Protein backbone atom coordinates (compact mmCIF):
# COMPACT_ATOMS: atom_id res chain seq x y z
CA UNK A 1 0.00 0.00 0.00
CA UNK A 2 2.71 2.48 1.01
CA UNK A 3 4.82 1.54 -2.00
CA UNK A 4 1.85 2.08 -4.36
CA UNK A 5 1.10 5.40 -2.68
CA UNK A 6 4.74 6.49 -3.16
CA UNK A 7 4.69 5.51 -6.84
CA UNK A 8 1.36 7.38 -7.34
CA UNK A 9 2.71 10.48 -5.61
CA UNK A 10 5.95 10.43 -7.63
CA UNK A 11 3.91 10.12 -10.83
CA UNK A 12 1.91 13.23 -9.93
CA UNK A 13 5.11 15.18 -9.16
CA UNK A 14 6.55 14.11 -12.51
CA UNK A 15 3.59 15.75 -14.27
CA UNK A 16 2.95 18.78 -12.06
CA UNK A 17 1.35 21.03 -14.69
CA UNK A 18 -1.10 18.37 -15.83
CA UNK A 19 -1.96 17.55 -12.21
CA UNK A 20 -2.63 21.23 -11.45
CA UNK A 21 -4.94 21.57 -14.46
CA UNK A 22 -6.73 18.38 -13.41
CA UNK A 23 -7.38 19.71 -9.90
CA UNK A 24 -9.00 22.95 -11.12
CA UNK A 25 -12.38 21.30 -11.70
CA UNK A 26 -12.41 19.97 -8.13
CA UNK A 27 -11.13 23.29 -6.71
CA UNK A 28 -13.90 25.32 -8.33
CA UNK A 29 -16.49 22.64 -7.59
CA UNK A 30 -15.74 22.50 -3.86
CA UNK A 31 -15.40 26.29 -3.68
CA UNK A 32 -18.76 26.75 -5.40
CA UNK A 33 -20.53 24.29 -3.08
CA UNK A 34 -19.15 25.90 0.10
CA UNK A 35 -19.80 29.50 -0.99
CA UNK A 36 -23.30 28.77 -2.37
CA UNK A 37 -24.33 26.94 0.81
CA UNK A 38 -22.83 29.77 2.89
CA UNK A 39 -24.97 32.32 1.04
CA UNK A 40 -28.06 30.13 1.50
CA UNK A 41 -27.34 29.56 5.19
CA UNK A 42 -26.78 33.29 5.65
CA UNK A 43 -30.17 34.07 4.15
CA UNK A 44 -31.81 31.47 6.40
CA UNK A 45 -30.06 32.85 9.47
CA UNK A 46 -31.25 36.34 8.59
CA UNK A 47 -34.85 35.11 8.34
CA UNK A 48 -34.59 33.34 11.71
CA UNK A 49 -33.29 36.57 13.26
CA UNK A 50 -36.13 38.47 11.62
CA UNK A 51 -38.63 35.98 13.03
CA UNK A 52 -37.32 36.84 16.50
CA UNK A 53 -37.70 40.55 15.73
CA UNK A 54 -41.30 40.33 14.47
CA UNK A 55 -42.28 38.28 17.50
CA UNK A 56 -44.50 35.23 17.75
CA UNK A 57 -48.19 35.13 16.79
CA UNK A 58 -48.32 38.81 15.84
CA UNK A 59 -50.98 40.41 13.65
CA UNK A 60 -50.60 44.04 12.51
CA UNK A 61 -53.44 46.28 11.38
CA UNK A 62 -51.96 49.17 9.37
CA UNK A 63 -53.61 52.33 8.11
CA UNK A 64 -53.56 52.74 4.35
CA UNK A 65 -54.34 56.30 3.31
CA UNK A 66 -55.99 56.39 -0.11
CA UNK A 67 -58.23 59.42 0.05
CA UNK A 68 -58.04 63.16 -0.43
CA UNK A 69 -58.87 66.21 1.68
CA UNK A 70 -58.57 64.45 5.00
CA UNK A 71 -61.16 61.75 4.29
CA UNK A 72 -60.76 58.14 3.26
CA UNK A 73 -63.19 57.94 0.41
CA UNK A 74 -64.23 55.24 -1.98
CA UNK A 75 -65.64 55.98 -5.37
CA UNK A 76 -69.16 54.64 -5.78
CA UNK A 77 -71.53 54.43 -8.70
CA UNK A 78 -72.48 57.74 -10.36
CA UNK A 79 -75.07 59.54 -8.28
CA UNK A 80 -74.21 57.63 -5.10
CA UNK A 81 -72.73 59.29 -2.03
CA UNK A 82 -69.08 58.59 -1.33
CA UNK A 83 -68.40 56.41 1.68
CA UNK A 84 -66.65 57.96 4.65
CA UNK A 85 -64.14 56.42 7.03
CA UNK A 86 -62.56 58.21 9.99
CA UNK A 87 -59.29 56.33 9.44
CA UNK A 88 -57.51 54.17 12.01
CA UNK A 89 -58.32 55.46 15.49
CA UNK A 90 -58.12 54.61 19.18
CA UNK A 91 -61.76 53.50 18.91
CA UNK A 92 -60.62 50.78 16.51
CA UNK A 93 -58.01 49.76 19.07
CA UNK A 94 -60.60 49.59 21.87
CA UNK A 95 -63.05 47.67 19.71
CA UNK A 96 -60.43 45.15 18.55
CA UNK A 97 -59.30 44.62 22.15
CA UNK A 98 -62.89 43.82 23.17
CA UNK A 99 -63.95 41.49 20.35
CA UNK A 100 -60.74 39.58 19.51
CA UNK A 101 -60.34 36.37 21.54
CA UNK A 102 -57.07 35.04 22.96
CA UNK A 103 -55.11 38.30 22.89
CA UNK A 104 -51.85 38.14 24.83
CA UNK A 105 -50.82 41.77 24.29
CA UNK A 106 -52.06 44.64 22.14
CA UNK A 107 -50.68 48.11 21.47
CA UNK A 108 -51.67 51.09 19.33
CA UNK A 109 -48.89 52.95 17.53
CA UNK A 110 -48.41 56.32 15.88
CA UNK A 111 -45.20 58.01 14.77
CA UNK A 112 -44.06 61.43 13.54
CA UNK A 113 -40.87 62.48 11.81
CA UNK A 114 -39.25 65.19 13.91
CA UNK A 115 -36.02 66.42 15.47
CA UNK A 116 -34.75 65.29 18.87
CA UNK A 117 -32.80 67.96 20.73
CA UNK A 118 -30.56 67.56 23.76
CA UNK A 119 -28.85 70.48 25.51
CA UNK A 120 -26.36 71.00 22.67
CA UNK A 121 -27.21 68.57 19.86
CA UNK A 122 -30.10 68.39 17.37
CA UNK A 123 -30.69 65.21 15.33
CA UNK A 124 -33.39 64.02 12.97
CA UNK A 125 -35.41 61.21 14.49
CA UNK A 126 -38.89 59.73 14.77
CA UNK A 127 -41.06 59.99 17.88
CA UNK A 128 -43.37 57.01 18.33
CA UNK A 129 -46.29 56.65 20.70
CA UNK A 130 -47.06 53.15 21.99
CA UNK A 131 -48.46 51.44 25.07
CA UNK A 132 -46.25 49.53 27.50
CA UNK A 133 -47.34 46.21 25.92
CA UNK A 134 -45.45 47.11 22.75
CA UNK A 135 -42.09 46.16 24.25
CA UNK A 136 -43.39 42.74 25.31
CA UNK A 137 -44.85 42.06 21.86
CA UNK A 138 -41.52 42.59 20.09
CA UNK A 139 -39.25 41.31 22.88
CA UNK A 140 -37.43 44.64 23.06
CA UNK A 141 -34.61 44.61 25.62
CA UNK A 142 -33.15 47.62 27.37
CA UNK A 143 -29.48 48.50 27.48
CA UNK A 144 -30.03 50.79 30.45
CA UNK A 145 -32.84 52.21 32.58
CA UNK A 146 -36.49 51.13 32.75
CA UNK A 147 -39.56 50.76 30.54
CA UNK A 148 -42.54 53.07 30.91
CA UNK A 149 -45.75 51.49 32.20
CA UNK A 150 -49.49 51.96 31.76
CA UNK A 151 -49.48 54.25 34.79
CA UNK A 152 -47.18 56.59 32.84
CA UNK A 153 -49.52 56.33 29.86
CA UNK A 154 -52.72 57.03 31.81
CA UNK A 155 -51.12 60.02 33.57
CA UNK A 156 -49.71 61.38 30.27
CA UNK A 157 -46.23 61.43 31.81
CA UNK A 158 -43.55 63.19 29.77
CA UNK A 159 -41.09 60.28 29.67
CA UNK A 160 -39.39 58.44 26.83
CA UNK A 161 -37.11 55.59 25.77
CA UNK A 162 -34.29 56.24 23.31
CA UNK A 163 -33.01 53.92 20.60
CA UNK A 164 -29.35 52.95 20.82
CA UNK A 165 -28.23 55.10 17.89
CA UNK A 166 -30.12 58.29 18.74
CA UNK A 167 -29.01 57.93 22.37
CA UNK A 168 -25.34 57.97 21.36
CA UNK A 169 -25.90 60.87 18.96
CA UNK A 170 -27.64 63.06 21.54
CA UNK A 171 -25.48 62.07 24.51
CA UNK A 172 -22.12 60.95 23.06
CA UNK A 173 -20.17 61.24 26.31
CA UNK A 174 -22.75 60.86 29.07
CA UNK A 175 -25.46 58.59 30.41
CA UNK A 176 -28.82 59.82 29.07
CA UNK A 177 -30.89 58.37 31.93
CA UNK A 178 -32.59 61.21 33.81
CA UNK A 179 -31.61 63.77 31.15
CA UNK A 180 -34.17 65.83 29.20
CA UNK A 181 -34.66 65.97 25.43
CA UNK A 182 -37.09 68.03 23.38
CA UNK A 183 -39.19 66.83 20.44
CA UNK A 184 -41.20 69.67 18.93
CA UNK A 185 -42.41 71.70 21.90
CA UNK A 186 -42.49 68.68 24.20
CA UNK A 187 -39.81 68.14 26.84
CA UNK A 188 -39.28 64.49 27.74
CA UNK A 189 -37.28 62.80 30.51
CA UNK A 190 -35.23 59.82 29.34
CA UNK A 191 -35.94 56.77 31.53
CA UNK A 192 -34.47 54.01 29.35
CA UNK A 193 -32.23 53.16 26.39
CA UNK A 194 -33.15 50.32 24.02
CA UNK A 195 -30.48 47.72 23.29
CA UNK A 196 -28.98 47.95 19.80
CA UNK A 197 -30.84 45.83 17.26
CA UNK A 198 -29.61 44.65 13.87
CA UNK A 199 -31.43 42.88 11.06
CA UNK A 200 -34.37 45.26 10.53
CA UNK A 201 -34.37 45.31 6.72
CA UNK A 202 -36.67 47.17 4.35
CA UNK A 203 -38.97 44.19 3.90
CA UNK A 204 -39.51 44.05 7.69
CA UNK A 205 -40.31 47.75 7.75
CA UNK A 206 -42.83 47.14 4.98
CA UNK A 207 -44.45 44.56 7.26
CA UNK A 208 -44.77 47.15 10.02
CA UNK A 209 -41.60 46.55 12.07
CA UNK A 210 -39.74 49.62 13.29
CA UNK A 211 -36.03 50.34 13.23
CA UNK A 212 -35.74 50.85 16.98
CA UNK A 213 -32.19 52.19 16.93
CA UNK A 214 -32.98 55.73 15.80
CA UNK A 215 -36.39 56.27 17.40
CA UNK A 216 -37.83 57.91 20.51
CA UNK A 217 -40.64 55.99 22.26
CA UNK A 218 -43.27 57.83 24.27
CA UNK A 219 -46.51 56.74 26.01
CA UNK A 220 -49.15 57.07 23.29
CA UNK A 221 -51.58 59.16 25.36
CA UNK A 222 -48.73 61.56 26.10
CA UNK A 223 -47.95 61.88 22.41
CA UNK A 224 -51.56 62.38 21.30
CA UNK A 225 -52.47 64.86 24.03
CA UNK A 226 -49.21 66.83 24.31
CA UNK A 227 -47.51 66.54 20.90
CA UNK A 228 -49.90 65.93 18.00
CA UNK A 229 -53.15 64.12 17.22
CA UNK A 230 -53.99 63.83 13.51
CA UNK A 231 -57.44 62.50 14.28
CA UNK A 232 -58.82 65.64 15.97
CA UNK A 233 -62.07 66.86 14.51
CA UNK A 234 -62.20 69.52 11.84
CA UNK A 235 -63.49 72.64 13.56
CA UNK A 236 -63.74 74.93 10.53
CA UNK A 237 -62.75 75.11 6.89
CA UNK A 238 -59.19 75.21 8.18
CA UNK A 239 -57.82 72.26 10.10
CA UNK A 240 -56.81 72.67 13.73
CA UNK A 241 -53.14 72.68 14.63
CA UNK A 242 -53.29 69.00 15.51
CA UNK A 243 -55.40 67.86 12.57
CA UNK A 244 -53.77 66.84 9.32
CA UNK A 245 -55.60 67.37 6.02
CA UNK A 246 -53.24 64.94 4.29
CA UNK A 247 -53.69 62.05 6.72
CA UNK A 248 -56.73 61.68 8.98
CA UNK A 249 -55.53 58.47 10.66
CA UNK A 250 -55.11 58.96 14.38
CA UNK A 251 -53.01 55.78 14.51
CA UNK A 252 -50.49 54.30 12.10
CA UNK A 253 -51.06 50.74 13.22
CA UNK A 254 -52.42 48.42 15.88
CA UNK A 255 -50.17 45.53 16.89
CA UNK A 256 -51.78 42.40 18.32
CA UNK A 257 -50.04 39.39 19.83
CA UNK A 258 -52.17 36.27 20.26
CA UNK A 259 -51.71 33.54 22.83
CA UNK A 260 -50.18 30.23 21.76
CA UNK A 261 -53.70 28.87 21.26
CA UNK A 262 -54.68 31.77 19.02
CA UNK A 263 -55.28 31.10 15.34
CA UNK A 264 -53.77 33.90 13.27
CA UNK A 265 -55.72 33.15 10.08
CA UNK A 266 -59.11 33.12 11.79
CA UNK A 267 -58.11 36.22 13.77
CA UNK A 268 -57.15 37.95 10.51
CA UNK A 269 -60.57 37.09 9.06
CA UNK A 270 -62.32 38.39 12.19
CA UNK A 271 -60.29 41.61 12.18
CA UNK A 272 -61.13 42.20 8.54
CA UNK A 273 -64.87 41.93 9.29
CA UNK A 274 -64.59 44.23 12.31
CA UNK A 275 -62.62 46.85 10.40
CA UNK A 276 -64.86 46.65 7.33
CA UNK A 277 -67.92 47.33 9.49
CA UNK A 278 -66.30 50.18 11.43
CA UNK A 279 -64.86 51.80 8.28
CA UNK A 280 -68.07 51.56 6.23
CA UNK A 281 -66.51 49.17 3.74
CA UNK A 282 -63.67 51.58 2.91
CA UNK A 283 -60.43 49.62 2.49
CA UNK A 284 -58.18 52.17 4.18
CA UNK A 285 -56.36 49.56 6.25
CA UNK A 286 -54.37 46.37 5.74
CA UNK A 287 -53.97 43.30 7.93
CA UNK A 288 -50.49 41.75 7.96
CA UNK A 289 -49.17 38.55 9.56
CA UNK A 290 -45.36 39.04 9.44
CA UNK A 291 -44.48 35.62 10.87
CA UNK A 292 -46.48 33.84 8.19
CA UNK A 293 -44.88 35.95 5.46
CA UNK A 294 -41.37 35.20 6.75
CA UNK A 295 -42.09 31.47 7.05
CA UNK A 296 -43.24 31.40 3.45
CA UNK A 297 -40.05 33.26 2.51
CA UNK A 298 -38.00 30.70 4.48
CA UNK A 299 -39.64 27.81 2.61
CA UNK A 300 -38.79 29.52 -0.67
CA UNK A 301 -35.20 30.06 0.50
CA UNK A 302 -34.91 26.40 1.53
CA UNK A 303 -35.89 25.34 -1.97
CA UNK A 304 -33.50 27.90 -3.44
CA UNK A 305 -30.66 26.56 -1.25
CA UNK A 306 -31.18 23.04 -2.52
CA UNK A 307 -31.14 24.39 -6.06
CA UNK A 308 -27.92 26.31 -5.41
CA UNK A 309 -26.31 23.22 -3.90
CA UNK A 310 -27.38 21.07 -6.84
CA UNK A 311 -26.03 23.55 -9.39
CA UNK A 312 -22.74 23.87 -7.51
CA UNK A 313 -22.46 20.08 -7.25
CA UNK A 314 -22.61 19.80 -11.04
CA UNK A 315 -19.20 21.47 -11.16
CA UNK A 316 -17.86 18.66 -8.93
CA UNK A 317 -19.17 16.10 -11.43
CA UNK A 318 -17.53 18.06 -14.25
CA UNK A 319 -14.29 18.06 -12.24
CA UNK A 320 -14.59 14.29 -11.79
CA UNK A 321 -15.07 13.79 -15.51
CA UNK A 322 -11.95 15.89 -16.07
CA UNK A 323 -9.98 13.61 -13.73
CA UNK A 324 -11.24 10.52 -15.54
CA UNK A 325 -10.27 11.91 -18.96
CA UNK A 326 -6.78 12.91 -17.83
CA UNK A 327 -6.24 9.58 -16.11
CA UNK A 328 -7.38 7.68 -19.21
CA UNK A 329 -4.88 9.66 -21.24
CA UNK A 330 -2.26 8.94 -18.60
CA UNK A 331 -2.93 5.19 -18.83
CA UNK A 332 -2.46 5.33 -22.60
CA UNK A 333 0.85 7.17 -22.19
CA UNK A 334 2.18 4.77 -19.53
CA UNK A 335 1.33 1.40 -21.05
CA UNK A 336 5.03 0.45 -21.18
CA UNK A 337 5.48 1.39 -17.52
CA UNK A 338 2.45 -0.74 -16.61
CA UNK A 339 3.86 -3.70 -18.58
CA UNK A 340 7.24 -3.33 -16.87
CA UNK A 341 5.67 -3.32 -13.39
CA UNK A 342 3.60 -6.39 -14.23
CA UNK A 343 6.71 -8.13 -15.61
CA UNK A 344 8.61 -7.65 -12.33
CA UNK A 345 5.81 -9.07 -10.23
CA UNK A 346 3.16 -6.35 -9.68
CA UNK A 347 -0.38 -7.69 -9.42
CA UNK A 348 -3.46 -6.30 -11.15
CA UNK A 349 -4.63 -4.97 -7.78
CA UNK A 350 -1.34 -3.04 -7.39
CA UNK A 351 -1.76 -1.34 -10.78
CA UNK A 352 -5.41 -0.55 -10.04
CA UNK A 353 -4.55 0.83 -6.59
CA UNK A 354 -1.77 3.01 -8.02
CA UNK A 355 -4.09 4.80 -10.46
CA UNK A 356 -6.92 5.11 -7.95
CA UNK A 357 -4.47 6.67 -5.48
CA UNK A 358 -3.26 9.11 -8.14
CA UNK A 359 -6.83 10.24 -8.80
CA UNK A 360 -7.54 10.41 -5.04
CA UNK A 361 -4.43 12.51 -4.33
CA UNK A 362 -5.42 14.94 -7.08
CA UNK A 363 -8.97 15.19 -5.65
CA UNK A 364 -7.65 15.51 -2.10
CA UNK A 365 -5.36 18.39 -3.05
CA UNK A 366 -8.14 20.01 -5.09
CA UNK A 367 -10.53 19.63 -2.15
CA UNK A 368 -8.17 21.45 0.23
CA UNK A 369 -7.68 24.31 -2.23
CA UNK A 370 -11.43 24.34 -2.88
CA UNK A 371 -12.18 24.75 0.82
CA UNK A 372 -9.82 27.74 0.99
CA UNK A 373 -11.44 29.22 -2.14
CA UNK A 374 -14.99 28.63 -0.84
CA UNK A 375 -14.29 30.30 2.52
CA UNK A 376 -12.58 33.22 0.79
CA UNK A 377 -15.50 33.68 -1.64
CA UNK A 378 -17.99 33.61 1.24
CA UNK A 379 -16.19 36.39 3.09
CA UNK A 380 -15.79 38.36 -0.14
CA UNK A 381 -19.55 38.17 -0.81
CA UNK A 382 -20.30 39.38 2.72
CA UNK A 383 -17.82 42.26 2.56
CA UNK A 384 -18.24 43.53 -1.00
CA UNK A 385 -21.86 42.59 -1.82
CA UNK A 386 -23.09 43.08 1.78
CA UNK A 387 -24.97 39.80 1.68
CA UNK A 388 -25.10 37.75 4.90
CA UNK A 389 -23.21 34.45 4.71
CA UNK A 390 -22.78 31.62 7.20
CA UNK A 391 -20.13 28.96 6.61
CA UNK A 392 -21.08 25.62 8.16
CA UNK A 393 -18.60 22.91 9.13
CA UNK A 394 -21.03 20.41 7.63
CA UNK A 395 -20.76 21.99 4.16
CA UNK A 396 -16.93 21.94 4.40
CA UNK A 397 -16.89 18.31 5.55
CA UNK A 398 -19.45 17.27 2.92
CA UNK A 399 -17.60 19.01 0.07
CA UNK A 400 -14.28 17.51 1.13
CA UNK A 401 -15.67 13.96 1.35
CA UNK A 402 -17.41 14.36 -2.02
CA UNK A 403 -14.19 15.61 -3.62
CA UNK A 404 -12.27 12.54 -2.40
CA UNK A 405 -15.07 10.19 -3.45
CA UNK A 406 -15.10 11.90 -6.85
CA UNK A 407 -11.44 11.00 -7.33
CA UNK A 408 -12.02 7.39 -6.29
CA UNK A 409 -15.16 6.91 -8.38
CA UNK A 410 -13.94 8.63 -11.52
CA UNK A 411 -10.46 7.18 -11.11
CA UNK A 412 -11.76 3.60 -11.04
CA UNK A 413 -12.37 3.25 -14.81
CA UNK A 414 -8.83 4.37 -15.82
CA UNK A 415 -7.38 2.24 -13.01
CA UNK A 416 -9.33 -0.78 -14.14
CA UNK A 417 -8.23 -0.23 -17.73
CA UNK A 418 -4.61 0.01 -16.61
CA UNK A 419 -4.86 -3.19 -14.56
CA UNK A 420 -6.31 -5.13 -17.49
CA UNK A 421 -3.37 -4.38 -19.80
CA UNK A 422 -1.57 -7.48 -21.08
CA UNK A 423 2.05 -7.37 -19.78
CA UNK A 424 3.58 -8.80 -22.98
CA UNK A 425 1.66 -6.47 -25.30
CA UNK A 426 2.40 -3.55 -22.99
CA UNK A 427 6.15 -4.14 -23.19
CA UNK A 428 5.92 -4.21 -27.02
CA UNK A 429 3.74 -1.01 -27.13
CA UNK A 430 5.31 1.89 -29.02
């Protein structure tokens, strides 16, 4: 065995350039498998992280403004009166809370683009009004300080929580807890800082998930009574200071978390009926189930990963065919050598083993280089294309084993052909 291995290794060294060319198919094949699976695993990991962000069993009712002049209107038949909807309001929130079974937590939400001002720094931000249940729904952790509670909300307390990014921008060198910031004409005392969160992509924001890092969170009753309420009634031909002729919705969304026993699909159907009745049939709202959307996306990604792996594996097969072709050519070139070895006592099994070992060494070397290439490509994709990747030890192990097996399998035919050569005819071969 050792003698055959030495002869196989010496043969490869004697034809270095051909051996290098032969390994390229395996190198690119293994590299492609590892990098493709890393991209697929990265996408899956991102979805799993997003599932944590959106929370479990959540349903989001969002306002969809489609009307003009401060009213959500729906065009009817000629001669018919246009339907009126007041938009998404706190009354919707109260009604949903009463009629929806198996609610674990529920929170209204409204946000305004504004500037947050500390004693010396002014930064663009978004102030968002929510109830205390909001932080439980989305599993939001604090870096420092405390949450606000329903007692703060009911008393319209002027307190707030800061996102990680806006906190560092407003208070770069000091602890913001207990300090005061101003949003609009409202002074707020900072009582907590939200832990930094990553992974909130545009598709999550489309589903109704906020980017907590650059936002200021305030009790919703404080925000509506002391900062701005878009839903206040029109008192004259001109809107009041709090009203908004471009958007009549008092709330941006209502976030509902069901218990483990809650059925999201039936809840979505119920919510649609409730909202349709309250809004006079005007479709100025949407009902989203982020978890369901992300699970469907994960299933699609799983299928895509298998497809990527299959396509990448084809290159390994091509590399194996390349090894077989080169080895067949090598057998033809070395017929005299084979005859000489047989003449001095080598068995058929020795000749077969020698050529199988040659093919295996080539695949082994190509597999090692392919692993290095695959890992390098994965990091390059993450750095330059900003796509998440996750290299798994399983994919490295699998690719390496397949590369070695490729050499053995595709090296068998040339090895068998070499072993079957007639020693006498081989010695006479020119």
